[in-house]
N, C-alpha and C. Protein backbone atom coordinates (compact mmCIF):
# COMPACT_ATOMS: atom_id res chain seq x y z
N UNK A 1 -64.56 -32.23 171.39
CA UNK A 1 -63.94 -33.25 170.58
C UNK A 1 -64.70 -33.35 169.25
N UNK A 2 -63.95 -33.51 168.19
CA UNK A 2 -64.56 -33.72 166.87
C UNK A 2 -64.47 -35.22 166.58
N UNK A 3 -65.58 -35.81 166.22
CA UNK A 3 -65.62 -37.26 166.02
C UNK A 3 -65.85 -37.55 164.54
N UNK A 4 -64.90 -38.26 163.94
CA UNK A 4 -65.02 -38.66 162.54
C UNK A 4 -65.21 -40.17 162.43
N UNK A 5 -65.93 -40.75 163.34
CA UNK A 5 -66.11 -42.20 163.33
C UNK A 5 -64.95 -42.87 164.04
N UNK A 6 -64.03 -43.40 163.27
CA UNK A 6 -62.88 -44.10 163.85
C UNK A 6 -61.88 -43.11 164.44
N UNK A 7 -61.72 -41.95 163.79
CA UNK A 7 -60.73 -40.96 164.22
C UNK A 7 -61.44 -39.82 164.94
N UNK A 8 -60.93 -39.47 166.09
CA UNK A 8 -61.48 -38.32 166.80
C UNK A 8 -60.33 -37.39 167.18
N UNK A 9 -60.59 -36.10 167.11
CA UNK A 9 -59.58 -35.09 167.41
C UNK A 9 -60.09 -34.27 168.58
N UNK A 10 -59.28 -34.13 169.60
CA UNK A 10 -59.66 -33.30 170.72
C UNK A 10 -59.38 -31.84 170.38
N UNK A 11 -60.18 -30.95 170.96
CA UNK A 11 -60.03 -29.53 170.65
C UNK A 11 -58.65 -29.01 171.06
N UNK A 12 -58.13 -29.48 172.17
CA UNK A 12 -56.81 -29.04 172.62
C UNK A 12 -55.74 -29.38 171.61
N UNK A 13 -55.79 -30.60 171.09
CA UNK A 13 -54.82 -31.03 170.08
C UNK A 13 -54.98 -30.22 168.80
N UNK A 14 -56.23 -30.01 168.40
CA UNK A 14 -56.50 -29.25 167.19
C UNK A 14 -56.01 -27.81 167.31
N UNK A 15 -56.29 -27.18 168.46
CA UNK A 15 -55.83 -25.81 168.67
C UNK A 15 -54.31 -25.73 168.71
N UNK A 16 -53.68 -26.71 169.35
CA UNK A 16 -52.22 -26.73 169.40
C UNK A 16 -51.63 -26.85 168.00
N UNK A 17 -52.20 -27.74 167.18
CA UNK A 17 -51.71 -27.90 165.81
C UNK A 17 -51.94 -26.64 164.99
N UNK A 18 -53.09 -26.00 165.17
CA UNK A 18 -53.39 -24.78 164.44
C UNK A 18 -52.44 -23.66 164.82
N UNK A 19 -52.20 -23.49 166.12
CA UNK A 19 -51.28 -22.44 166.58
C UNK A 19 -49.86 -22.71 166.09
N UNK A 20 -49.43 -23.96 166.15
CA UNK A 20 -48.10 -24.32 165.66
C UNK A 20 -47.98 -24.01 164.17
N UNK A 21 -49.00 -24.37 163.41
CA UNK A 21 -48.99 -24.10 161.97
C UNK A 21 -48.92 -22.60 161.69
N UNK A 22 -49.72 -21.82 162.40
CA UNK A 22 -49.73 -20.37 162.18
C UNK A 22 -48.41 -19.73 162.56
N UNK A 23 -47.81 -20.19 163.65
CA UNK A 23 -46.51 -19.64 164.07
C UNK A 23 -45.45 -19.99 163.04
N UNK A 24 -45.42 -21.24 162.60
CA UNK A 24 -44.41 -21.65 161.62
C UNK A 24 -44.62 -20.97 160.27
N UNK A 25 -45.84 -20.63 159.95
CA UNK A 25 -46.12 -19.90 158.72
C UNK A 25 -45.81 -18.42 158.89
N UNK A 26 -46.12 -17.88 160.06
CA UNK A 26 -45.96 -16.45 160.31
C UNK A 26 -44.52 -16.01 160.51
N UNK A 27 -43.68 -16.84 161.08
CA UNK A 27 -42.30 -16.45 161.33
C UNK A 27 -41.53 -16.11 160.06
N UNK A 28 -41.54 -16.96 159.04
CA UNK A 28 -40.82 -16.58 157.81
C UNK A 28 -41.42 -15.35 157.13
N UNK A 29 -42.74 -15.25 157.14
CA UNK A 29 -43.38 -14.08 156.52
C UNK A 29 -43.00 -12.82 157.29
N UNK A 30 -43.03 -12.88 158.60
CA UNK A 30 -42.64 -11.74 159.42
C UNK A 30 -41.18 -11.37 159.22
N UNK A 31 -40.33 -12.36 159.11
CA UNK A 31 -38.91 -12.11 158.88
C UNK A 31 -38.69 -11.44 157.53
N UNK A 32 -39.37 -11.89 156.51
CA UNK A 32 -39.24 -11.29 155.18
C UNK A 32 -39.70 -9.84 155.22
N UNK A 33 -40.83 -9.57 155.86
CA UNK A 33 -41.33 -8.19 155.96
C UNK A 33 -40.35 -7.32 156.73
N UNK A 34 -39.79 -7.85 157.82
CA UNK A 34 -38.82 -7.09 158.62
C UNK A 34 -37.57 -6.76 157.79
N UNK A 35 -37.04 -7.75 157.08
CA UNK A 35 -35.84 -7.52 156.28
C UNK A 35 -36.11 -6.53 155.15
N UNK A 36 -37.28 -6.61 154.54
CA UNK A 36 -37.64 -5.68 153.48
C UNK A 36 -37.73 -4.26 154.01
N UNK A 37 -38.36 -4.09 155.16
CA UNK A 37 -38.50 -2.76 155.76
C UNK A 37 -37.14 -2.20 156.16
N UNK A 38 -36.28 -3.05 156.72
CA UNK A 38 -34.94 -2.60 157.13
C UNK A 38 -34.12 -2.20 155.91
N UNK A 39 -34.24 -2.96 154.83
CA UNK A 39 -33.51 -2.64 153.60
C UNK A 39 -33.96 -1.30 153.04
N UNK A 40 -35.26 -1.06 153.03
CA UNK A 40 -35.77 0.22 152.54
C UNK A 40 -35.31 1.38 153.40
N UNK A 41 -35.29 1.17 154.71
CA UNK A 41 -34.85 2.23 155.63
C UNK A 41 -33.37 2.57 155.38
N UNK A 42 -32.54 1.55 155.18
CA UNK A 42 -31.12 1.79 154.91
C UNK A 42 -30.94 2.50 153.57
N UNK A 43 -31.76 2.12 152.59
CA UNK A 43 -31.67 2.74 151.28
C UNK A 43 -32.01 4.23 151.37
N UNK A 44 -33.05 4.55 152.11
CA UNK A 44 -33.44 5.96 152.28
C UNK A 44 -32.35 6.73 153.00
N UNK A 45 -31.73 6.11 153.99
CA UNK A 45 -30.65 6.77 154.72
C UNK A 45 -29.47 7.04 153.81
N UNK A 46 -29.14 6.10 152.95
CA UNK A 46 -28.02 6.28 152.02
C UNK A 46 -28.31 7.42 151.04
N UNK A 47 -29.52 7.50 150.54
CA UNK A 47 -29.89 8.57 149.62
C UNK A 47 -29.78 9.92 150.32
N UNK A 48 -30.24 9.99 151.56
CA UNK A 48 -30.15 11.24 152.32
C UNK A 48 -28.70 11.64 152.56
N UNK A 49 -27.86 10.68 152.90
CA UNK A 49 -26.44 10.98 153.12
C UNK A 49 -25.76 11.44 151.84
N UNK A 50 -26.08 10.81 150.72
CA UNK A 50 -25.50 11.23 149.44
C UNK A 50 -25.93 12.66 149.10
N UNK A 51 -27.17 12.98 149.38
CA UNK A 51 -27.66 14.34 149.13
C UNK A 51 -26.91 15.35 149.99
N UNK A 52 -26.70 15.02 151.25
CA UNK A 52 -25.96 15.91 152.14
C UNK A 52 -24.52 16.10 151.68
N UNK A 53 -23.90 15.02 151.23
CA UNK A 53 -22.52 15.11 150.74
C UNK A 53 -22.44 16.03 149.53
N UNK A 54 -23.40 15.90 148.61
CA UNK A 54 -23.42 16.77 147.44
C UNK A 54 -23.56 18.23 147.85
N UNK A 55 -24.40 18.51 148.82
CA UNK A 55 -24.57 19.89 149.29
C UNK A 55 -23.28 20.41 149.90
N UNK A 56 -22.61 19.60 150.68
CA UNK A 56 -21.35 20.03 151.29
C UNK A 56 -20.28 20.27 150.23
N UNK A 57 -20.22 19.41 149.23
CA UNK A 57 -19.24 19.60 148.15
C UNK A 57 -19.51 20.90 147.40
N UNK A 58 -20.78 21.22 147.17
CA UNK A 58 -21.11 22.47 146.50
C UNK A 58 -20.71 23.67 147.36
N UNK A 59 -20.92 23.57 148.66
CA UNK A 59 -20.53 24.67 149.55
C UNK A 59 -19.02 24.86 149.54
N UNK A 60 -18.27 23.78 149.52
CA UNK A 60 -16.81 23.87 149.49
C UNK A 60 -16.36 24.52 148.19
N UNK A 61 -16.96 24.15 147.07
CA UNK A 61 -16.61 24.76 145.78
C UNK A 61 -16.91 26.25 145.78
N UNK A 62 -18.05 26.62 146.34
CA UNK A 62 -18.42 28.04 146.41
C UNK A 62 -17.45 28.81 147.29
N UNK A 63 -17.03 28.23 148.40
CA UNK A 63 -16.08 28.89 149.29
C UNK A 63 -14.72 29.06 148.61
N UNK A 64 -14.30 28.09 147.82
CA UNK A 64 -13.02 28.19 147.12
C UNK A 64 -13.07 29.29 146.07
N UNK A 65 -14.21 29.41 145.39
CA UNK A 65 -14.36 30.47 144.39
C UNK A 65 -14.30 31.84 145.06
N UNK A 66 -14.93 31.98 146.20
CA UNK A 66 -14.93 33.26 146.92
C UNK A 66 -13.52 33.60 147.41
N UNK A 67 -12.78 32.61 147.87
CA UNK A 67 -11.42 32.85 148.36
C UNK A 67 -10.48 33.23 147.23
N UNK A 68 -10.67 32.64 146.07
CA UNK A 68 -9.76 32.93 144.95
C UNK A 68 -10.01 34.32 144.36
N UNK A 69 -11.17 34.88 144.58
CA UNK A 69 -11.47 36.20 144.02
C UNK A 69 -10.98 37.25 144.89
C-alpha cells in the first residue's frame, strides 16, 4: 500500500488502474498500426497485379504481331 497521509492506494488498485490505462492506450495504437500494415500490403499487391497485367498485355500484343506476319 502507498500511503499519502489522508489518501492511500493499495497496490492491487494501482496495478489494475495501470493495466487498464495501458490497454486503453495500446488498443488504438495497435489498431492504427494494424490498419497501416494492411493498407501497405494491399497497395503492394495492387502494384504487383498491375505489373502482371502489363506483362500479359505485352505478350498478347507480341502474339498478335507474330500471327499477322
